[in-house]
Amino acid sequence: MLDWWLPENVSTYGRDIDRLFHLIYWITGLTFILVSVTMIVFLVMYRDRPGRRARYTHGSTPLEIAWTVVPSLILVVLTFLSAPAWSRIKMSMPPSDLAIEVIWTSGGLSKLEVYRKLDVREVWIWKASKIEVFTLRDENYVPLERSELLPDIDLEQLLAFVDVKPMTRAVTKYRAVLRAARQG
């Protein structure tokens, strides 16, 4: 419906978020049209006419209650419609395919055991200017020469940019190397 101007869904929650966005968009659009039409009708009905004297009114309690209650009800309905989506987004996390662990000091905790319990499919560990790749097979991690998830990444080439400062310069230079390799 409005998907032509929304970014591509790359999240498992994208459909839920887009559905809520569309609902709020249509409610807002219809409210805008209703208010605009009502304003134009009242501009025409109460325009200045020769011989007509201005009348002052003090308002309408039922009308004031209505324009307070209706938006409140819309917000309550939106809350109930969005609660399941936000619950899925905030309370459940899909298992990760890849974790990258950077080790600056030696620690007593087995990082691979932690990732195994989280059901992470592949772990890259950067330590002492080297990247080690491990993949989960039969409840244990097995070392690999290169990534199974991202087999085209040259890890040795990537390591050349780890110490480039600032990080934005490292990313720019790494992208330039990748583009040059793709073109040449």
C-alpha atoms as a PDB file:
ATOM      1  CA  MET A   1       0.000   0.000   0.000  1.00  0.00           C
ATOM      2  CA  LEU A   2       2.545   2.636   1.139  1.00  0.00           C
ATOM      3  CA  ASP A   3       5.527   0.343   0.761  1.00  0.00           C
ATOM      4  CA  TRP A   4       6.925   2.254  -2.202  1.00  0.00           C
ATOM      5  CA  TRP A   5       8.311   4.988   0.059  1.00  0.00           C
ATOM      6  CA  LEU A   6       9.292   2.911   3.094  1.00  0.00           C
ATOM      7  CA  PRO A   7      12.712   1.283   3.349  1.00  0.00           C
ATOM      8  CA  GLU A   8      13.018  -2.404   2.539  1.00  0.00           C
ATOM      9  CA  ASN A   9      12.101  -4.773   5.366  1.00  0.00           C
ATOM     10  CA  VAL A  10      15.336  -6.332   6.549  1.00  0.00           C
ATOM     11  CA  SER A  11      14.148  -7.069  10.066  1.00  0.00           C
ATOM     12  CA  THR A  12      12.012  -9.927  11.286  1.00  0.00           C
ATOM     13  CA  TYR A  13       9.826  -7.234  12.866  1.00  0.00           C
ATOM     14  CA  GLY A  14       9.560  -5.038   9.761  1.00  0.00           C
ATOM     15  CA  ARG A  15       6.079  -6.216   8.776  1.00  0.00           C
ATOM     16  CA  ASP A  16       4.658  -5.472  12.252  1.00  0.00           C
ATOM     17  CA  ILE A  17       6.241  -2.030  12.361  1.00  0.00           C
ATOM     18  CA  ASP A  18       5.054  -1.200   8.828  1.00  0.00           C
ATOM     19  CA  ARG A  19       1.524  -2.337   9.693  1.00  0.00           C
ATOM     20  CA  LEU A  20       1.464   0.017  12.683  1.00  0.00           C
ATOM     21  CA  PHE A  21       2.931   2.811  10.580  1.00  0.00           C
ATOM     22  CA  HIS A  22       0.239   2.343   7.923  1.00  0.00           C
ATOM     23  CA  LEU A  23      -2.528   2.347  10.549  1.00  0.00           C
ATOM     24  CA  ILE A  24      -1.246   5.549  12.176  1.00  0.00           C
ATOM     25  CA  TYR A  25      -0.710   7.116   8.747  1.00  0.00           C
ATOM     26  CA  TRP A  26      -4.319   6.463   7.688  1.00  0.00           C
ATOM     27  CA  ILE A  27      -5.761   7.637  11.011  1.00  0.00           C
ATOM     28  CA  THR A  28      -3.713  10.832  10.764  1.00  0.00           C
ATOM     29  CA  GLY A  29      -4.637  11.349   7.111  1.00  0.00           C
ATOM     30  CA  LEU A  30      -8.354  10.834   7.705  1.00  0.00           C
ATOM     31  CA  THR A  31      -8.260  13.150  10.719  1.00  0.00           C
ATOM     32  CA  PHE A  32      -6.533  15.827   8.634  1.00  0.00           C
ATOM     33  CA  ILE A  33      -9.165  15.526   5.892  1.00  0.00           C
ATOM     34  CA  LEU A  34     -12.038  15.584   8.405  1.00  0.00           C
ATOM     35  CA  VAL A  35     -10.670  18.657  10.200  1.00  0.00           C
ATOM     36  CA  SER A  36      -9.936  20.456   6.903  1.00  0.00           C
ATOM     37  CA  VAL A  37     -13.402  19.776   5.479  1.00  0.00           C
ATOM     38  CA  THR A  38     -15.050  20.817   8.753  1.00  0.00           C
ATOM     39  CA  MET A  39     -13.013  24.021   8.850  1.00  0.00           C
ATOM     40  CA  ILE A  40     -13.953  24.880   5.238  1.00  0.00           C
ATOM     41  CA  VAL A  41     -17.639  24.167   5.948  1.00  0.00           C
ATOM     42  CA  PHE A  42     -17.584  26.479   8.969  1.00  0.00           C
ATOM     43  CA  LEU A  43     -15.703  29.160   7.022  1.00  0.00           C
ATOM     44  CA  VAL A  44     -18.486  29.144   4.437  1.00  0.00           C
ATOM     45  CA  MET A  45     -21.341  28.884   6.953  1.00  0.00           C
ATOM     46  CA  TYR A  46     -20.113  31.697   9.188  1.00  0.00           C
ATOM     47  CA  ARG A  47     -18.591  34.030   6.612  1.00  0.00           C
ATOM     48  CA  ASP A  48     -19.229  37.726   6.865  1.00  0.00           C
ATOM     49  CA  ARG A  49     -22.527  38.754   5.289  1.00  0.00           C
ATOM     50  CA  PRO A  50     -24.068  42.191   4.995  1.00  0.00           C
ATOM     51  CA  GLY A  51     -26.675  42.843   7.652  1.00  0.00           C
ATOM     52  CA  ARG A  52     -25.702  39.859   9.780  1.00  0.00           C
ATOM     53  CA  ARG A  53     -24.573  40.533  13.323  1.00  0.00           C
ATOM     54  CA  ALA A  54     -21.928  38.434  15.032  1.00  0.00           C
ATOM     55  CA  ARG A  55     -23.111  35.981  17.678  1.00  0.00           C
ATOM     56  CA  TYR A  56     -20.939  34.799  20.489  1.00  0.00           C
ATOM     57  CA  THR A  57     -21.338  31.316  21.889  1.00  0.00           C
ATOM     58  CA  HIS A  58     -19.869  29.819  24.998  1.00  0.00           C
ATOM     59  CA  GLY A  59     -19.069  26.367  23.618  1.00  0.00           C
ATOM     60  CA  SER A  60     -20.620  22.957  23.899  1.00  0.00           C
ATOM     61  CA  THR A  61     -19.774  20.593  26.738  1.00  0.00           C
ATOM     62  CA  PRO A  62     -20.820  17.436  24.803  1.00  0.00           C
ATOM     63  CA  LEU A  63     -18.692  18.525  21.823  1.00  0.00           C
ATOM     64  CA  GLU A  64     -15.689  19.242  24.061  1.00  0.00           C
ATOM     65  CA  ILE A  65     -16.071  15.844  25.718  1.00  0.00           C
ATOM     66  CA  ALA A  66     -16.295  14.173  22.311  1.00  0.00           C
ATOM     67  CA  TRP A  67     -13.126  15.768  20.945  1.00  0.00           C
ATOM     68  CA  THR A  68     -11.305  14.742  24.106  1.00  0.00           C
ATOM     69  CA  VAL A  69     -12.641  11.187  24.340  1.00  0.00           C
ATOM     70  CA  VAL A  70     -12.308  10.227  20.647  1.00  0.00           C
ATOM     71  CA  PRO A  71      -8.552  10.913  20.401  1.00  0.00           C
ATOM     72  CA  SER A  72      -8.064   9.203  23.771  1.00  0.00           C
ATOM     73  CA  LEU A  73      -9.883   6.111  22.507  1.00  0.00           C
ATOM     74  CA  ILE A  74      -7.795   6.135  19.318  1.00  0.00           C
ATOM     75  CA  LEU A  75      -4.616   6.213  21.439  1.00  0.00           C
ATOM     76  CA  VAL A  76      -5.868   3.367  23.642  1.00  0.00           C
ATOM     77  CA  VAL A  77      -6.704   1.259  20.563  1.00  0.00           C
ATOM     78  CA  LEU A  78      -3.288   2.011  19.043  1.00  0.00           C
ATOM     79  CA  THR A  79      -1.648   1.001  22.322  1.00  0.00           C
ATOM     80  CA  PHE A  80      -3.446  -2.349  22.339  1.00  0.00           C
ATOM     81  CA  LEU A  81      -2.638  -2.924  18.663  1.00  0.00           C
ATOM     82  CA  SER A  82       1.049  -2.042  19.088  1.00  0.00           C
ATOM     83  CA  ALA A  83       1.673  -3.866  22.398  1.00  0.00           C
ATOM     84  CA  PRO A  84       2.105  -7.335  20.810  1.00  0.00           C
ATOM     85  CA  ALA A  85       4.552  -6.000  18.217  1.00  0.00           C
ATOM     86  CA  TRP A  86       6.628  -4.130  20.797  1.00  0.00           C
ATOM     87  CA  SER A  87       6.538  -7.171  23.050  1.00  0.00           C
ATOM     88  CA  ARG A  88       7.955  -9.353  20.259  1.00  0.00           C
ATOM     89  CA  ILE A  89      10.618  -6.749  19.460  1.00  0.00           C
ATOM     90  CA  LYS A  90      11.736  -6.054  23.017  1.00  0.00           C
ATOM     91  CA  MET A  91      11.130  -9.365  24.800  1.00  0.00           C
ATOM     92  CA  SER A  92      12.335 -11.962  22.319  1.00  0.00           C
ATOM     93  CA  MET A  93      15.531 -12.014  20.371  1.00  0.00           C
ATOM     94  CA  PRO A  94      16.199 -14.344  17.468  1.00  0.00           C
ATOM     95  CA  PRO A  95      19.460 -16.295  17.675  1.00  0.00           C
ATOM     96  CA  SER A  96      22.423 -14.550  16.111  1.00  0.00           C
ATOM     97  CA  ASP A  97      24.268 -16.024  13.178  1.00  0.00           C
ATOM     98  CA  LEU A  98      27.525 -14.201  13.870  1.00  0.00           C
ATOM     99  CA  ALA A  99      29.283 -12.766  16.910  1.00  0.00           C
ATOM    100  CA  ILE A 100      32.540 -10.847  16.814  1.00  0.00           C
ATOM    101  CA  GLU A 101      34.486 -10.917  20.061  1.00  0.00           C
ATOM    102  CA  VAL A 102      37.370  -8.488  20.637  1.00  0.00           C
ATOM    103  CA  ILE A 103      39.739  -9.594  23.385  1.00  0.00           C
ATOM    104  CA  TRP A 104      42.091  -6.976  24.819  1.00  0.00           C
ATOM    105  CA  THR A 105      43.015  -8.878  27.972  1.00  0.00           C
ATOM    106  CA  SER A 106      43.040 -12.511  28.947  1.00  0.00           C
ATOM    107  CA  GLY A 107      40.006 -13.608  30.874  1.00  0.00           C
ATOM    108  CA  GLY A 108      39.050 -16.744  32.728  1.00  0.00           C
ATOM    109  CA  LEU A 109      35.631 -17.014  31.074  1.00  0.00           C
ATOM    110  CA  SER A 110      35.301 -19.247  28.028  1.00  0.00           C
ATOM    111  CA  LYS A 111      33.756 -16.948  25.404  1.00  0.00           C
ATOM    112  CA  LEU A 112      32.846 -19.836  23.128  1.00  0.00           C
ATOM    113  CA  GLU A 113      30.842 -21.477  25.912  1.00  0.00           C
ATOM    114  CA  VAL A 114      28.830 -18.289  26.358  1.00  0.00           C
ATOM    115  CA  TYR A 115      28.103 -18.080  22.627  1.00  0.00           C
ATOM    116  CA  ARG A 116      27.239 -21.793  22.490  1.00  0.00           C
ATOM    117  CA  LYS A 117      24.548 -21.233  25.133  1.00  0.00           C
ATOM    118  CA  LEU A 118      23.228 -18.339  23.040  1.00  0.00           C
ATOM    119  CA  ASP A 119      23.162 -20.624  19.976  1.00  0.00           C
ATOM    120  CA  VAL A 120      25.387 -18.325  17.906  1.00  0.00           C
ATOM    121  CA  ARG A 121      26.233 -20.114  14.668  1.00  0.00           C
ATOM    122  CA  GLU A 122      29.637 -18.537  14.007  1.00  0.00           C
ATOM    123  CA  VAL A 123      32.079 -16.628  16.236  1.00  0.00           C
ATOM    124  CA  TRP A 124      35.022 -14.506  15.169  1.00  0.00           C
ATOM    125  CA  ILE A 125      37.554 -13.804  17.918  1.00  0.00           C
ATOM    126  CA  TRP A 126      40.019 -10.963  17.402  1.00  0.00           C
ATOM    127  CA  LYS A 127      43.011 -11.263  19.691  1.00  0.00           C
ATOM    128  CA  ALA A 128      46.608 -10.147  19.268  1.00  0.00           C
ATOM    129  CA  SER A 129      46.031  -8.839  15.721  1.00  0.00           C
ATOM    130  CA  LYS A 130      44.591 -12.140  14.512  1.00  0.00           C
ATOM    131  CA  ILE A 131      41.038 -13.240  13.745  1.00  0.00           C
ATOM    132  CA  GLU A 132      40.067 -16.804  14.572  1.00  0.00           C
ATOM    133  CA  VAL A 133      36.846 -18.201  13.131  1.00  0.00           C
ATOM    134  CA  PHE A 134      34.756 -20.851  14.889  1.00  0.00           C
ATOM    135  CA  THR A 135      31.530 -22.502  13.758  1.00  0.00           C
ATOM    136  CA  LEU A 136      29.019 -24.385  15.882  1.00  0.00           C
ATOM    137  CA  ARG A 137      28.785 -28.083  14.987  1.00  0.00           C
ATOM    138  CA  ASP A 138      27.089 -30.682  17.184  1.00  0.00           C
ATOM    139  CA  GLU A 139      27.043 -28.442  20.268  1.00  0.00           C
ATOM    140  CA  ASN A 140      30.768 -27.585  19.978  1.00  0.00           C
ATOM    141  CA  TYR A 141      32.747 -24.937  18.163  1.00  0.00           C
ATOM    142  CA  VAL A 142      35.150 -26.060  15.467  1.00  0.00           C
ATOM    143  CA  PRO A 143      37.930 -23.745  14.195  1.00  0.00           C
ATOM    144  CA  LEU A 144      37.810 -22.769  10.514  1.00  0.00           C
ATOM    145  CA  GLU A 145      40.219 -21.105   8.100  1.00  0.00           C
ATOM    146  CA  ARG A 146      37.532 -18.718   6.817  1.00  0.00           C
ATOM    147  CA  SER A 147      33.937 -17.799   7.547  1.00  0.00           C
ATOM    148  CA  GLU A 148      31.133 -20.041   6.319  1.00  0.00           C
ATOM    149  CA  LEU A 149      28.608 -17.216   6.699  1.00  0.00           C
ATOM    150  CA  LEU A 150      30.723 -14.663   4.814  1.00  0.00           C
ATOM    151  CA  PRO A 151      33.072 -16.811   2.729  1.00  0.00           C
ATOM    152  CA  ASP A 152      34.105 -13.993   0.385  1.00  0.00           C
ATOM    153  CA  ILE A 153      35.628 -11.864   3.158  1.00  0.00           C
ATOM    154  CA  ASP A 154      39.396 -11.967   3.206  1.00  0.00           C
ATOM    155  CA  LEU A 155      40.105 -11.782   6.935  1.00  0.00           C
ATOM    156  CA  GLU A 156      43.793 -10.990   6.444  1.00  0.00           C
ATOM    157  CA  GLN A 157      42.808  -8.041   4.260  1.00  0.00           C
ATOM    158  CA  LEU A 158      40.275  -6.914   6.875  1.00  0.00           C
ATOM    159  CA  LEU A 159      42.951  -7.021   9.593  1.00  0.00           C
ATOM    160  CA  ALA A 160      44.961  -4.399   7.709  1.00  0.00           C
ATOM    161  CA  PHE A 161      42.259  -1.823   8.576  1.00  0.00           C
ATOM    162  CA  VAL A 162      41.729  -2.633  12.259  1.00  0.00           C
ATOM    163  CA  ASP A 163      44.227  -0.054  13.515  1.00  0.00           C
ATOM    164  CA  VAL A 164      43.305   2.747  11.074  1.00  0.00           C
ATOM    165  CA  LYS A 165      42.028   5.777  12.937  1.00  0.00           C
ATOM    166  CA  PRO A 166      39.400   7.181  12.865  1.00  0.00           C
ATOM    167  CA  MET A 167      37.016   4.329  12.188  1.00  0.00           C
ATOM    168  CA  THR A 168      35.322   6.241   9.364  1.00  0.00           C
ATOM    169  CA  ARG A 169      38.659   6.421   7.514  1.00  0.00           C
ATOM    170  CA  ALA A 170      39.136   2.668   8.018  1.00  0.00           C
ATOM    171  CA  VAL A 171      35.690   1.966   6.558  1.00  0.00           C
ATOM    172  CA  THR A 172      36.318   4.303   3.601  1.00  0.00           C
ATOM    173  CA  LYS A 173      39.686   2.701   2.816  1.00  0.00           C
ATOM    174  CA  TYR A 174      38.326  -0.846   3.194  1.00  0.00           C
ATOM    175  CA  ARG A 175      35.420  -0.057   0.850  1.00  0.00           C
ATOM    176  CA  ALA A 176      37.853   1.391  -1.684  1.00  0.00           C
ATOM    177  CA  VAL A 177      39.928  -1.815  -1.611  1.00  0.00           C
ATOM    178  CA  LEU A 178      36.778  -3.931  -2.025  1.00  0.00           C
ATOM    179  CA  ARG A 179      35.571  -1.792  -4.973  1.00  0.00           C
ATOM    180  CA  ALA A 180      38.977  -1.990  -6.635  1.00  0.00           C
ATOM    181  CA  ALA A 181      39.022  -5.792  -6.241  1.00  0.00           C
ATOM    182  CA  ARG A 182      35.501  -6.049  -7.668  1.00  0.00           C
ATOM    183  CA  GLN A 183      36.382  -3.902 -10.691  1.00  0.00           C
ATOM    184  CA  GLY A 184      39.794  -5.388 -11.364  1.00  0.00           C
END
